Amino acid sequence: MIPSEAIDIWLLYNEPKGNCYEASVYMNLAFPELKMVRGHYGGRRHWWNVTPHGVIVDATRSQFDFTAEYVAYCGAQVYGKCCECGGHVYVPGGHFCCEACEDTYLAMLTGGVSSMAKSTYFIDIFGTVLEHHGHNKPDAKHKATPGTVKKLDQLSAEGHKIVLMTDHPESDRTWIVRALHNAKIRYDQLMMDAGKHRHIIDDESPSVHHINRDQGLG
């Protein structure tokens, strides 16, 4: 797939106006060699991508009915949004803008669960705790499945450990963490690149529960 094809796919599910940052993240995930750039287009705040050779790739260019110059912001490089407050993150691969936000977010997720958990629940993400979308990309508006938030809060309060799993690659961690946070999903550990088929080998009989897609944990 080439960038122009990826843009066409993104525009099938999204409006270009007001979504330049989300589109830029999507393009960066699909093509890691692209650099995210923020700045102005025709005096309007805007996000786009640039190839290693300096060619501009703008997934939401169609929102503008005029031609102007791309002017990049020359300040500190922004690498994403804070999972707690939504502020800018200036550290490559970082999820939080500061230690205070990280502490607040982790406290919300763990709820003070003891390291001596009663049981460990390994739970799939898409279709189980978050609604499944055909493409499951950062632009999708993922909501918690029915009864899931309440159930996970209950398990955490009872002292159980919650490990969420997905077959998505490590490069998708940032937007998946944000999606879980927005849906108020409580968990202790996030396992990326877990494969589509999971096997538990134990000297005691583990409990296995199968539910229908998007049924929820309620």
N, C-alpha and C. Protein backbone atom coordinates (compact mmCIF):
# COMPACT_ATOMS: atom_id res chain seq x y z
N MET A 1 0.84 -1.19 0.00
CA MET A 1 0.00 0.00 0.00
C MET A 1 0.88 1.25 0.00
N ILE A 2 0.50 2.24 -0.79
CA ILE A 2 1.23 3.50 -0.86
C ILE A 2 0.44 4.57 -0.10
N PRO A 3 1.09 5.70 0.27
CA PRO A 3 0.40 6.74 1.06
C PRO A 3 -0.92 7.21 0.48
N SER A 4 -1.00 7.38 -0.84
CA SER A 4 -2.25 7.88 -1.44
C SER A 4 -3.40 6.90 -1.22
N GLU A 5 -3.10 5.60 -1.26
CA GLU A 5 -4.13 4.60 -1.02
C GLU A 5 -4.56 4.61 0.44
N ALA A 6 -3.60 4.79 1.35
CA ALA A 6 -3.92 4.85 2.78
C ALA A 6 -4.80 6.06 3.08
N ILE A 7 -4.54 7.16 2.42
CA ILE A 7 -5.34 8.38 2.62
C ILE A 7 -6.78 8.12 2.15
N ASP A 8 -6.92 7.48 1.00
CA ASP A 8 -8.26 7.19 0.48
C ASP A 8 -9.05 6.33 1.46
N ILE A 9 -8.37 5.35 2.07
CA ILE A 9 -9.04 4.47 3.05
C ILE A 9 -9.46 5.28 4.28
N TRP A 10 -8.57 6.14 4.77
CA TRP A 10 -8.87 6.94 5.97
C TRP A 10 -10.06 7.85 5.71
N LEU A 11 -10.12 8.45 4.52
CA LEU A 11 -11.18 9.40 4.20
C LEU A 11 -12.53 8.70 4.02
N LEU A 12 -12.53 7.38 3.82
CA LEU A 12 -13.79 6.65 3.73
C LEU A 12 -14.54 6.67 5.06
N TYR A 13 -13.80 6.77 6.17
CA TYR A 13 -14.39 6.67 7.50
C TYR A 13 -14.34 7.98 8.29
N ASN A 14 -13.70 9.01 7.74
CA ASN A 14 -13.49 10.23 8.52
C ASN A 14 -13.67 11.48 7.68
N GLU A 15 -14.09 12.54 8.36
CA GLU A 15 -14.15 13.85 7.74
C GLU A 15 -12.77 14.51 7.85
N PRO A 16 -12.27 15.13 6.79
CA PRO A 16 -10.94 15.75 6.86
C PRO A 16 -10.89 16.97 7.77
N LYS A 17 -11.97 17.75 7.82
CA LYS A 17 -11.97 18.98 8.61
C LYS A 17 -11.91 18.68 10.10
N GLY A 18 -10.92 19.26 10.78
CA GLY A 18 -10.80 19.12 12.23
C GLY A 18 -10.12 17.84 12.67
N ASN A 19 -9.68 17.01 11.74
CA ASN A 19 -9.07 15.73 12.09
C ASN A 19 -7.65 15.60 11.54
N CYS A 20 -6.97 16.73 11.35
CA CYS A 20 -5.64 16.66 10.75
C CYS A 20 -4.64 15.93 11.65
N TYR A 21 -4.74 16.12 12.98
CA TYR A 21 -3.80 15.43 13.88
C TYR A 21 -4.03 13.92 13.84
N GLU A 22 -5.30 13.49 13.93
CA GLU A 22 -5.61 12.06 13.91
C GLU A 22 -5.15 11.43 12.59
N ALA A 23 -5.34 12.15 11.49
CA ALA A 23 -4.91 11.64 10.19
C ALA A 23 -3.40 11.53 10.11
N SER A 24 -2.71 12.49 10.69
CA SER A 24 -1.25 12.48 10.69
C SER A 24 -0.71 11.31 11.50
N VAL A 25 -1.36 11.02 12.64
CA VAL A 25 -0.97 9.86 13.46
C VAL A 25 -1.19 8.57 12.67
N TYR A 26 -2.34 8.48 12.02
CA TYR A 26 -2.67 7.29 11.23
C TYR A 26 -1.62 7.05 10.15
N MET A 27 -1.24 8.11 9.44
CA MET A 27 -0.24 7.97 8.38
C MET A 27 1.12 7.58 8.95
N ASN A 28 1.45 8.13 10.11
CA ASN A 28 2.74 7.81 10.74
C ASN A 28 2.78 6.35 11.18
N LEU A 29 1.65 5.82 11.64
CA LEU A 29 1.60 4.41 12.04
C LEU A 29 1.68 3.50 10.82
N ALA A 30 1.01 3.90 9.74
CA ALA A 30 1.02 3.09 8.52
C ALA A 30 2.36 3.15 7.81
N PHE A 31 3.01 4.31 7.90
CA PHE A 31 4.30 4.52 7.23
C PHE A 31 5.27 5.18 8.22
N PRO A 32 5.96 4.39 9.03
CA PRO A 32 6.84 4.92 10.08
C PRO A 32 7.92 5.87 9.58
N GLU A 33 8.24 5.78 8.29
CA GLU A 33 9.28 6.67 7.76
C GLU A 33 8.79 8.11 7.63
N LEU A 34 7.47 8.31 7.69
CA LEU A 34 6.92 9.66 7.60
C LEU A 34 7.07 10.39 8.92
N LYS A 35 7.43 11.64 8.86
CA LYS A 35 7.57 12.48 10.06
C LYS A 35 6.32 13.33 10.23
N MET A 36 5.79 13.37 11.44
CA MET A 36 4.65 14.23 11.73
C MET A 36 5.14 15.67 11.89
N VAL A 37 4.40 16.59 11.28
CA VAL A 37 4.78 18.01 11.35
C VAL A 37 3.56 18.83 11.73
N ARG A 38 3.74 19.74 12.65
CA ARG A 38 2.65 20.67 12.99
C ARG A 38 3.07 22.07 12.60
N GLY A 39 2.10 22.89 12.29
CA GLY A 39 2.41 24.26 11.89
C GLY A 39 1.15 24.95 11.41
N HIS A 40 1.26 25.67 10.30
CA HIS A 40 0.12 26.42 9.76
C HIS A 40 0.03 26.23 8.25
N TYR A 41 -1.20 26.23 7.78
CA TYR A 41 -1.46 26.21 6.34
C TYR A 41 -2.42 27.36 6.06
N GLY A 42 -1.92 28.35 5.34
CA GLY A 42 -2.75 29.52 5.08
C GLY A 42 -3.15 30.24 6.35
N GLY A 43 -2.28 30.21 7.37
CA GLY A 43 -2.57 30.87 8.63
C GLY A 43 -3.39 30.05 9.60
N ARG A 44 -3.81 28.85 9.20
CA ARG A 44 -4.61 27.99 10.07
C ARG A 44 -3.73 26.88 10.65
N ARG A 45 -3.93 26.59 11.93
CA ARG A 45 -3.17 25.53 12.57
C ARG A 45 -3.45 24.20 11.88
N HIS A 46 -2.39 23.42 11.68
CA HIS A 46 -2.56 22.23 10.86
C HIS A 46 -1.47 21.20 11.17
N TRP A 47 -1.77 19.93 10.89
CA TRP A 47 -0.81 18.82 10.99
C TRP A 47 -0.70 18.14 9.64
N TRP A 48 0.51 17.70 9.29
CA TRP A 48 0.72 16.93 8.07
C TRP A 48 1.94 16.04 8.26
N ASN A 49 2.32 15.31 7.23
CA ASN A 49 3.50 14.44 7.29
C ASN A 49 4.48 14.81 6.19
N VAL A 50 5.74 14.43 6.40
CA VAL A 50 6.78 14.70 5.42
C VAL A 50 7.63 13.45 5.24
N THR A 51 7.97 13.12 4.00
CA THR A 51 8.81 11.96 3.72
C THR A 51 10.26 12.29 4.04
N PRO A 52 11.15 11.29 4.12
CA PRO A 52 12.57 11.55 4.38
C PRO A 52 13.20 12.47 3.34
N HIS A 53 12.57 12.56 2.16
CA HIS A 53 13.10 13.42 1.09
C HIS A 53 12.44 14.80 1.08
N GLY A 54 11.60 15.08 2.09
CA GLY A 54 11.00 16.40 2.21
C GLY A 54 9.70 16.59 1.45
N VAL A 55 9.12 15.51 0.92
CA VAL A 55 7.85 15.62 0.20
C VAL A 55 6.69 15.65 1.20
N ILE A 56 5.81 16.61 1.07
CA ILE A 56 4.68 16.75 1.98
C ILE A 56 3.58 15.75 1.64
N VAL A 57 3.10 15.05 2.67
CA VAL A 57 1.96 14.12 2.54
C VAL A 57 0.88 14.63 3.49
N ASP A 58 -0.18 15.16 2.94
CA ASP A 58 -1.24 15.78 3.76
C ASP A 58 -2.56 15.05 3.53
N ALA A 59 -2.94 14.22 4.49
CA ALA A 59 -4.15 13.40 4.35
C ALA A 59 -5.43 14.23 4.37
N THR A 60 -5.39 15.43 4.97
CA THR A 60 -6.62 16.23 5.09
C THR A 60 -6.55 17.52 4.28
N ARG A 61 -5.73 17.51 3.25
CA ARG A 61 -5.59 18.70 2.39
C ARG A 61 -6.94 19.10 1.78
N SER A 62 -7.82 18.13 1.55
CA SER A 62 -9.10 18.42 0.88
C SER A 62 -10.03 19.31 1.69
N GLN A 63 -9.72 19.54 2.96
CA GLN A 63 -10.59 20.41 3.76
C GLN A 63 -10.43 21.88 3.39
N PHE A 64 -9.34 22.21 2.71
CA PHE A 64 -9.07 23.60 2.34
C PHE A 64 -9.50 23.85 0.89
N ASP A 65 -10.22 24.93 0.66
CA ASP A 65 -10.65 25.28 -0.69
C ASP A 65 -9.77 26.36 -1.29
N PHE A 66 -8.53 26.46 -0.78
CA PHE A 66 -7.58 27.45 -1.28
C PHE A 66 -6.18 26.83 -1.27
N THR A 67 -5.26 27.46 -1.94
CA THR A 67 -3.87 27.00 -1.99
C THR A 67 -3.00 27.96 -1.18
N ALA A 68 -2.17 27.40 -0.31
CA ALA A 68 -1.32 28.23 0.54
C ALA A 68 0.01 27.51 0.79
N GLU A 69 0.82 28.13 1.62
CA GLU A 69 2.14 27.58 1.93
C GLU A 69 2.10 26.85 3.27
N TYR A 70 2.80 25.72 3.35
CA TYR A 70 2.95 25.00 4.61
C TYR A 70 4.08 25.65 5.40
N VAL A 71 3.77 26.07 6.62
CA VAL A 71 4.77 26.70 7.48
C VAL A 71 4.89 25.87 8.76
N ALA A 72 5.99 25.16 8.91
CA ALA A 72 6.19 24.28 10.07
C ALA A 72 6.50 25.08 11.32
N TYR A 73 6.01 24.61 12.45
CA TYR A 73 6.32 25.22 13.74
C TYR A 73 7.76 24.89 14.10
N CYS A 74 8.51 25.87 14.53
CA CYS A 74 9.94 25.68 14.77
C CYS A 74 10.29 25.45 16.24
N GLY A 75 9.30 25.29 17.08
CA GLY A 75 9.56 25.06 18.50
C GLY A 75 9.85 23.59 18.78
N ALA A 76 9.61 23.17 20.03
CA ALA A 76 9.87 21.79 20.43
C ALA A 76 8.99 20.82 19.64
N GLN A 77 9.55 19.66 19.28
CA GLN A 77 8.82 18.66 18.52
C GLN A 77 7.79 17.95 19.40
N VAL A 78 6.57 17.89 18.91
CA VAL A 78 5.50 17.20 19.62
C VAL A 78 5.37 15.78 19.06
N TYR A 79 5.36 14.79 19.95
CA TYR A 79 5.30 13.40 19.52
C TYR A 79 3.95 12.73 19.82
N GLY A 80 3.03 13.45 20.42
CA GLY A 80 1.74 12.85 20.69
C GLY A 80 1.00 13.64 21.76
N LYS A 81 -0.10 13.06 22.25
CA LYS A 81 -0.91 13.67 23.29
C LYS A 81 -0.84 12.85 24.57
N CYS A 82 -0.88 13.54 25.69
CA CYS A 82 -0.83 12.89 27.00
C CYS A 82 -2.10 12.07 27.21
N CYS A 83 -1.94 10.82 27.64
CA CYS A 83 -3.08 9.94 27.86
C CYS A 83 -3.94 10.39 29.04
N GLU A 84 -3.41 11.26 29.89
CA GLU A 84 -4.16 11.71 31.05
C GLU A 84 -4.87 13.04 30.79
N CYS A 85 -4.13 14.06 30.38
CA CYS A 85 -4.72 15.40 30.24
C CYS A 85 -4.91 15.84 28.80
N GLY A 86 -4.32 15.11 27.84
CA GLY A 86 -4.46 15.50 26.45
C GLY A 86 -3.45 16.53 25.99
N GLY A 87 -2.54 16.93 26.89
CA GLY A 87 -1.50 17.90 26.53
C GLY A 87 -0.45 17.28 25.62
N HIS A 88 0.44 18.13 25.12
CA HIS A 88 1.48 17.65 24.21
C HIS A 88 2.54 16.81 24.93
N VAL A 89 3.04 15.79 24.24
CA VAL A 89 4.13 14.95 24.73
C VAL A 89 5.35 15.24 23.88
N TYR A 90 6.47 15.59 24.51
CA TYR A 90 7.66 16.00 23.78
C TYR A 90 8.75 14.94 23.79
N VAL A 91 8.45 13.76 24.32
CA VAL A 91 9.43 12.66 24.40
C VAL A 91 9.04 11.59 23.40
N PRO A 92 9.94 11.17 22.50
CA PRO A 92 9.60 10.12 21.53
C PRO A 92 9.14 8.85 22.23
N GLY A 93 7.99 8.33 21.82
CA GLY A 93 7.47 7.11 22.40
C GLY A 93 6.80 7.31 23.75
N GLY A 94 6.74 8.55 24.25
CA GLY A 94 6.14 8.82 25.55
C GLY A 94 4.63 8.83 25.50
N HIS A 95 4.00 8.56 26.64
CA HIS A 95 2.55 8.54 26.72
C HIS A 95 2.00 9.65 27.60
N PHE A 96 2.88 10.35 28.36
CA PHE A 96 2.42 11.36 29.31
C PHE A 96 3.28 12.62 29.18
N CYS A 97 2.68 13.77 29.50
CA CYS A 97 3.40 15.04 29.39
C CYS A 97 4.28 15.29 30.61
N CYS A 98 3.97 14.65 31.74
CA CYS A 98 4.76 14.86 32.95
C CYS A 98 4.56 13.68 33.90
N GLU A 99 5.38 13.60 34.95
CA GLU A 99 5.28 12.50 35.91
C GLU A 99 3.97 12.54 36.68
N ALA A 100 3.47 13.75 36.96
CA ALA A 100 2.22 13.87 37.71
C ALA A 100 1.06 13.22 36.95
N CYS A 101 1.00 13.46 35.63
CA CYS A 101 -0.07 12.86 34.82
C CYS A 101 0.09 11.34 34.77
N GLU A 102 1.33 10.88 34.68
CA GLU A 102 1.57 9.43 34.64
C GLU A 102 1.13 8.78 35.94
N ASP A 103 1.47 9.41 37.07
CA ASP A 103 1.09 8.87 38.38
C ASP A 103 -0.43 8.84 38.54
N THR A 104 -1.10 9.92 38.11
CA THR A 104 -2.56 10.00 38.21
C THR A 104 -3.22 8.93 37.36
N TYR A 105 -2.72 8.76 36.14
CA TYR A 105 -3.30 7.79 35.22
C TYR A 105 -3.11 6.36 35.73
N LEU A 106 -1.89 6.04 36.18
CA LEU A 106 -1.63 4.69 36.67
C LEU A 106 -2.43 4.39 37.93
N ALA A 107 -2.62 5.41 38.77
CA ALA A 107 -3.42 5.21 39.98
C ALA A 107 -4.86 4.90 39.62
N MET A 108 -5.36 5.55 38.57
CA MET A 108 -6.73 5.30 38.11
C MET A 108 -6.86 3.87 37.58
N LEU A 109 -5.83 3.41 36.87
CA LEU A 109 -5.89 2.08 36.27
C LEU A 109 -5.78 0.97 37.31
N THR A 110 -4.83 1.13 38.21
CA THR A 110 -4.57 0.05 39.17
C THR A 110 -5.51 0.09 40.35
N GLY A 111 -5.96 1.27 40.72
CA GLY A 111 -6.87 1.39 41.86
C GLY A 111 -6.26 0.86 43.15
N GLY A 112 -4.91 0.89 43.24
CA GLY A 112 -4.25 0.44 44.45
C GLY A 112 -4.26 -1.07 44.63
N VAL A 113 -4.33 -1.84 43.52
CA VAL A 113 -4.35 -3.29 43.62
C VAL A 113 -3.05 -3.82 44.19
N SER A 114 -3.13 -4.72 45.12
CA SER A 114 -1.95 -5.33 45.73
C SER A 114 -1.21 -6.19 44.72
N SER A 115 0.13 -6.29 44.88
CA SER A 115 0.92 -7.13 43.98
C SER A 115 0.59 -8.61 44.17
N MET A 116 -0.03 -8.98 45.32
CA MET A 116 -0.44 -10.37 45.57
C MET A 116 -1.88 -10.53 45.10
N ALA A 117 -2.05 -10.58 43.78
CA ALA A 117 -3.39 -10.68 43.21
C ALA A 117 -4.02 -12.03 43.50
N LYS A 118 -5.34 -12.04 43.72
CA LYS A 118 -6.05 -13.30 43.95
C LYS A 118 -6.03 -14.16 42.69
N SER A 119 -6.38 -13.57 41.57
CA SER A 119 -6.39 -14.26 40.28
C SER A 119 -5.94 -13.29 39.20
N THR A 120 -5.53 -13.83 38.07
CA THR A 120 -5.15 -13.00 36.94
C THR A 120 -6.11 -13.28 35.78
N TYR A 121 -6.69 -12.22 35.25
CA TYR A 121 -7.61 -12.33 34.13
C TYR A 121 -6.90 -11.84 32.87
N PHE A 122 -6.76 -12.73 31.89
CA PHE A 122 -6.19 -12.36 30.59
C PHE A 122 -7.38 -12.11 29.65
N ILE A 123 -7.52 -10.87 29.20
CA ILE A 123 -8.71 -10.49 28.45
C ILE A 123 -8.33 -9.82 27.14
N ASP A 124 -8.97 -10.25 26.07
CA ASP A 124 -8.77 -9.64 24.76
C ASP A 124 -9.38 -8.23 24.76
N ILE A 125 -8.87 -7.37 23.91
CA ILE A 125 -9.35 -5.98 23.90
C ILE A 125 -10.50 -5.78 22.92
N PHE A 126 -10.21 -5.87 21.62
CA PHE A 126 -11.21 -5.50 20.61
C PHE A 126 -12.26 -6.60 20.43
N GLY A 127 -13.50 -6.23 20.66
CA GLY A 127 -14.60 -7.18 20.61
C GLY A 127 -14.94 -7.76 21.97
N THR A 128 -14.09 -7.47 22.96
CA THR A 128 -14.32 -7.99 24.32
C THR A 128 -14.51 -6.84 25.31
N VAL A 129 -13.50 -5.98 25.46
CA VAL A 129 -13.67 -4.82 26.35
C VAL A 129 -13.97 -3.54 25.58
N LEU A 130 -13.48 -3.47 24.34
CA LEU A 130 -13.81 -2.35 23.46
C LEU A 130 -14.56 -2.88 22.24
N GLU A 131 -15.50 -2.08 21.75
CA GLU A 131 -16.26 -2.50 20.58
C GLU A 131 -15.32 -2.72 19.40
N HIS A 132 -15.60 -3.76 18.63
CA HIS A 132 -14.75 -4.10 17.50
C HIS A 132 -15.17 -3.31 16.26
N HIS A 133 -14.17 -2.75 15.58
CA HIS A 133 -14.41 -2.06 14.31
C HIS A 133 -13.65 -2.82 13.23
N GLY A 134 -14.14 -2.74 12.02
CA GLY A 134 -13.52 -3.50 10.95
C GLY A 134 -12.05 -3.24 10.77
N HIS A 135 -11.63 -2.00 10.99
CA HIS A 135 -10.22 -1.67 10.77
C HIS A 135 -9.46 -1.43 12.07
N ASN A 136 -10.16 -1.16 13.19
CA ASN A 136 -9.51 -0.96 14.49
C ASN A 136 -8.27 -0.09 14.39
N LYS A 137 -8.48 1.13 13.93
CA LYS A 137 -7.39 2.09 13.76
C LYS A 137 -7.60 3.25 14.73
N PRO A 138 -6.59 4.11 14.90
CA PRO A 138 -6.70 5.20 15.88
C PRO A 138 -7.83 6.17 15.60
N ASP A 139 -8.33 6.22 14.36
CA ASP A 139 -9.41 7.14 14.05
C ASP A 139 -10.77 6.61 14.48
N ALA A 140 -10.84 5.31 14.76
CA ALA A 140 -12.12 4.71 15.17
C ALA A 140 -12.51 5.16 16.57
N LYS A 141 -13.80 5.37 16.79
CA LYS A 141 -14.30 5.81 18.10
C LYS A 141 -14.69 4.58 18.91
N HIS A 142 -13.73 4.01 19.60
CA HIS A 142 -13.97 2.77 20.34
C HIS A 142 -14.67 3.06 21.67
N LYS A 143 -15.78 2.36 21.90
CA LYS A 143 -16.51 2.48 23.16
C LYS A 143 -16.39 1.17 23.93
N ALA A 144 -16.56 1.25 25.24
CA ALA A 144 -16.54 0.04 26.06
C ALA A 144 -17.76 -0.82 25.74
N THR A 145 -17.58 -2.12 25.75
CA THR A 145 -18.70 -3.04 25.52
C THR A 145 -19.61 -3.04 26.75
N PRO A 146 -20.85 -3.49 26.61
CA PRO A 146 -21.83 -3.43 27.71
C PRO A 146 -21.35 -4.09 29.00
N GLY A 147 -21.45 -3.34 30.10
CA GLY A 147 -21.14 -3.88 31.42
C GLY A 147 -19.67 -4.06 31.72
N THR A 148 -18.79 -3.74 30.77
CA THR A 148 -17.36 -4.04 30.95
C THR A 148 -16.70 -3.14 31.99
N VAL A 149 -16.97 -1.85 31.95
CA VAL A 149 -16.34 -0.93 32.90
C VAL A 149 -16.68 -1.33 34.33
N LYS A 150 -17.94 -1.60 34.58
CA LYS A 150 -18.38 -1.99 35.93
C LYS A 150 -17.73 -3.30 36.36
N LYS A 151 -17.65 -4.28 35.44
CA LYS A 151 -17.08 -5.58 35.77
C LYS A 151 -15.60 -5.47 36.08
N LEU A 152 -14.86 -4.72 35.28
CA LEU A 152 -13.42 -4.58 35.52
C LEU A 152 -13.15 -3.81 36.81
N ASP A 153 -13.97 -2.82 37.10
CA ASP A 153 -13.85 -2.09 38.37
C ASP A 153 -14.06 -3.05 39.54
N GLN A 154 -15.03 -3.95 39.39
CA GLN A 154 -15.33 -4.92 40.44
C GLN A 154 -14.16 -5.89 40.64
N LEU A 155 -13.63 -6.41 39.53
CA LEU A 155 -12.50 -7.35 39.62
C LEU A 155 -11.29 -6.70 40.28
N SER A 156 -11.04 -5.44 39.92
CA SER A 156 -9.91 -4.73 40.49
C SER A 156 -10.10 -4.50 41.99
N ALA A 157 -11.33 -4.12 42.37
CA ALA A 157 -11.62 -3.87 43.78
C ALA A 157 -11.49 -5.14 44.61
N GLU A 158 -11.73 -6.29 43.98
CA GLU A 158 -11.62 -7.58 44.67
C GLU A 158 -10.18 -8.08 44.75
N GLY A 159 -9.26 -7.34 44.14
CA GLY A 159 -7.85 -7.71 44.24
C GLY A 159 -7.32 -8.58 43.12
N HIS A 160 -8.06 -8.70 42.02
CA HIS A 160 -7.61 -9.50 40.89
C HIS A 160 -6.74 -8.65 39.96
N LYS A 161 -5.86 -9.30 39.24
CA LYS A 161 -5.00 -8.61 38.28
C LYS A 161 -5.62 -8.74 36.89
N ILE A 162 -5.63 -7.64 36.15
CA ILE A 162 -6.24 -7.61 34.82
C ILE A 162 -5.16 -7.37 33.77
N VAL A 163 -4.98 -8.33 32.88
CA VAL A 163 -4.01 -8.21 31.79
C VAL A 163 -4.78 -8.17 30.48
N LEU A 164 -4.69 -7.06 29.76
CA LEU A 164 -5.36 -6.94 28.47
C LEU A 164 -4.41 -7.34 27.35
N MET A 165 -4.94 -8.00 26.32
CA MET A 165 -4.11 -8.51 25.23
C MET A 165 -4.68 -8.08 23.88
N THR A 166 -3.79 -7.91 22.92
CA THR A 166 -4.19 -7.62 21.56
C THR A 166 -3.11 -8.11 20.61
N ASP A 167 -3.52 -8.44 19.39
CA ASP A 167 -2.54 -8.86 18.40
C ASP A 167 -1.95 -7.67 17.65
N HIS A 168 -2.36 -6.45 18.03
CA HIS A 168 -1.78 -5.27 17.40
C HIS A 168 -0.30 -5.14 17.77
N PRO A 169 0.51 -4.59 16.87
CA PRO A 169 1.94 -4.46 17.13
C PRO A 169 2.24 -3.40 18.20
N GLU A 170 3.46 -3.43 18.71
CA GLU A 170 3.89 -2.48 19.74
C GLU A 170 3.74 -1.04 19.28
N SER A 171 3.87 -0.80 18.00
CA SER A 171 3.76 0.56 17.47
C SER A 171 2.37 1.16 17.66
N ASP A 172 1.36 0.31 17.95
CA ASP A 172 0.00 0.80 18.16
C ASP A 172 -0.30 1.09 19.64
N ARG A 173 0.68 0.89 20.52
CA ARG A 173 0.43 1.01 21.95
C ARG A 173 -0.13 2.38 22.34
N THR A 174 0.43 3.46 21.80
CA THR A 174 0.03 4.80 22.22
C THR A 174 -1.47 5.05 22.01
N TRP A 175 -1.97 4.78 20.80
CA TRP A 175 -3.38 5.08 20.56
C TRP A 175 -4.31 4.09 21.25
N ILE A 176 -3.85 2.85 21.46
CA ILE A 176 -4.69 1.89 22.17
C ILE A 176 -4.78 2.27 23.65
N VAL A 177 -3.69 2.71 24.24
CA VAL A 177 -3.71 3.19 25.63
C VAL A 177 -4.68 4.35 25.75
N ARG A 178 -4.65 5.25 24.76
CA ARG A 178 -5.55 6.40 24.80
C ARG A 178 -7.01 5.95 24.66
N ALA A 179 -7.26 4.98 23.79
CA ALA A 179 -8.63 4.48 23.60
C ALA A 179 -9.16 3.83 24.87
N LEU A 180 -8.31 3.06 25.55
CA LEU A 180 -8.71 2.43 26.80
C LEU A 180 -8.99 3.47 27.88
N HIS A 181 -8.16 4.49 27.92
CA HIS A 181 -8.34 5.57 28.90
C HIS A 181 -9.65 6.31 28.65
N ASN A 182 -9.92 6.64 27.38
CA ASN A 182 -11.14 7.36 27.06
C ASN A 182 -12.39 6.55 27.40
N ALA A 183 -12.27 5.23 27.30
CA ALA A 183 -13.42 4.35 27.61
C ALA A 183 -13.47 3.99 29.10
N LYS A 184 -12.51 4.52 29.88
CA LYS A 184 -12.44 4.29 31.34
C LYS A 184 -12.26 2.81 31.67
N ILE A 185 -11.42 2.13 30.86
CA ILE A 185 -11.13 0.72 31.08
C ILE A 185 -9.99 0.58 32.08
N ARG A 186 -10.24 -0.10 33.17
CA ARG A 186 -9.22 -0.31 34.21
C ARG A 186 -8.44 -1.60 33.91
N TYR A 187 -7.12 -1.53 34.03
CA TYR A 187 -6.30 -2.72 33.83
C TYR A 187 -4.95 -2.53 34.51
N ASP A 188 -4.19 -3.63 34.64
CA ASP A 188 -2.88 -3.58 35.28
C ASP A 188 -1.74 -3.70 34.29
N GLN A 189 -1.97 -4.42 33.20
CA GLN A 189 -0.91 -4.64 32.23
C GLN A 189 -1.51 -4.75 30.83
N LEU A 190 -0.78 -4.20 29.84
CA LEU A 190 -1.22 -4.26 28.45
C LEU A 190 -0.20 -5.06 27.65
N MET A 191 -0.63 -6.17 27.08
CA MET A 191 0.26 -7.05 26.32
C MET A 191 0.01 -6.85 24.83
N MET A 192 0.99 -6.30 24.12
CA MET A 192 0.88 -6.07 22.69
C MET A 192 1.42 -7.27 21.92
N ASP A 193 1.04 -7.36 20.64
CA ASP A 193 1.56 -8.38 19.73
C ASP A 193 1.36 -9.79 20.31
N ALA A 194 0.17 -10.04 20.88
CA ALA A 194 -0.09 -11.30 21.57
C ALA A 194 -0.56 -12.41 20.63
N GLY A 195 -0.71 -12.11 19.33
CA GLY A 195 -1.15 -13.14 18.40
C GLY A 195 -2.65 -13.34 18.46
N LYS A 196 -3.19 -13.96 17.41
CA LYS A 196 -4.64 -14.17 17.36
C LYS A 196 -5.06 -15.41 18.15
N HIS A 197 -4.16 -16.37 18.34
CA HIS A 197 -4.48 -17.59 19.08
C HIS A 197 -3.63 -17.63 20.35
N ARG A 198 -4.28 -17.77 21.50
CA ARG A 198 -3.58 -17.76 22.79
C ARG A 198 -3.72 -19.12 23.46
N HIS A 199 -2.67 -19.58 24.10
CA HIS A 199 -2.67 -20.86 24.79
C HIS A 199 -2.15 -20.66 26.21
N ILE A 200 -2.85 -21.21 27.19
CA ILE A 200 -2.43 -21.16 28.59
C ILE A 200 -2.01 -22.56 29.02
N ILE A 201 -0.78 -22.68 29.47
CA ILE A 201 -0.26 -23.96 29.95
C ILE A 201 -0.02 -23.84 31.44
N ASP A 202 -0.70 -24.65 32.21
CA ASP A 202 -0.64 -24.53 33.67
C ASP A 202 -0.75 -25.92 34.28
N ASP A 203 -0.18 -26.10 35.50
CA ASP A 203 -0.30 -27.41 36.16
C ASP A 203 -1.64 -27.54 36.86
N GLU A 204 -2.43 -26.47 36.85
CA GLU A 204 -3.79 -26.53 37.36
C GLU A 204 -4.74 -26.13 36.23
N SER A 205 -5.96 -26.56 36.31
CA SER A 205 -6.92 -26.29 35.24
C SER A 205 -7.33 -24.82 35.24
N PRO A 206 -6.97 -24.08 34.20
CA PRO A 206 -7.37 -22.67 34.14
C PRO A 206 -8.83 -22.55 33.71
N SER A 207 -9.46 -21.44 34.07
CA SER A 207 -10.84 -21.19 33.64
C SER A 207 -10.81 -20.43 32.33
N VAL A 208 -11.56 -20.91 31.34
CA VAL A 208 -11.61 -20.27 30.04
C VAL A 208 -13.06 -19.88 29.76
N HIS A 209 -13.26 -18.61 29.42
CA HIS A 209 -14.61 -18.12 29.16
C HIS A 209 -14.66 -17.56 27.74
N HIS A 210 -15.61 -17.99 26.97
CA HIS A 210 -15.79 -17.50 25.61
C HIS A 210 -17.07 -16.69 25.53
N ILE A 211 -16.98 -15.49 24.94
CA ILE A 211 -18.18 -14.67 24.77
C ILE A 211 -18.28 -14.25 23.31
N ASN A 212 -19.46 -13.84 22.91
CA ASN A 212 -19.66 -13.36 21.55
C ASN A 212 -19.06 -11.97 21.38
N ARG A 213 -18.69 -11.65 20.15
CA ARG A 213 -18.07 -10.36 19.89
C ARG A 213 -19.00 -9.21 20.31
N ASP A 214 -18.41 -8.27 21.05
CA ASP A 214 -19.10 -7.06 21.52
C ASP A 214 -20.22 -7.37 22.52
N GLN A 215 -20.25 -8.58 23.05
CA GLN A 215 -21.25 -8.94 24.06
C GLN A 215 -21.01 -8.19 25.37
N GLY A 216 -19.73 -7.99 25.70
CA GLY A 216 -19.38 -7.31 26.93
C GLY A 216 -19.23 -8.26 28.11
N LEU A 217 -18.75 -7.74 29.21
CA LEU A 217 -18.48 -8.56 30.39
C LEU A 217 -19.58 -8.46 31.44
N GLY A 218 -20.62 -7.72 31.13
CA GLY A 218 -21.70 -7.54 32.10
C GLY A 218 -22.54 -8.80 32.30
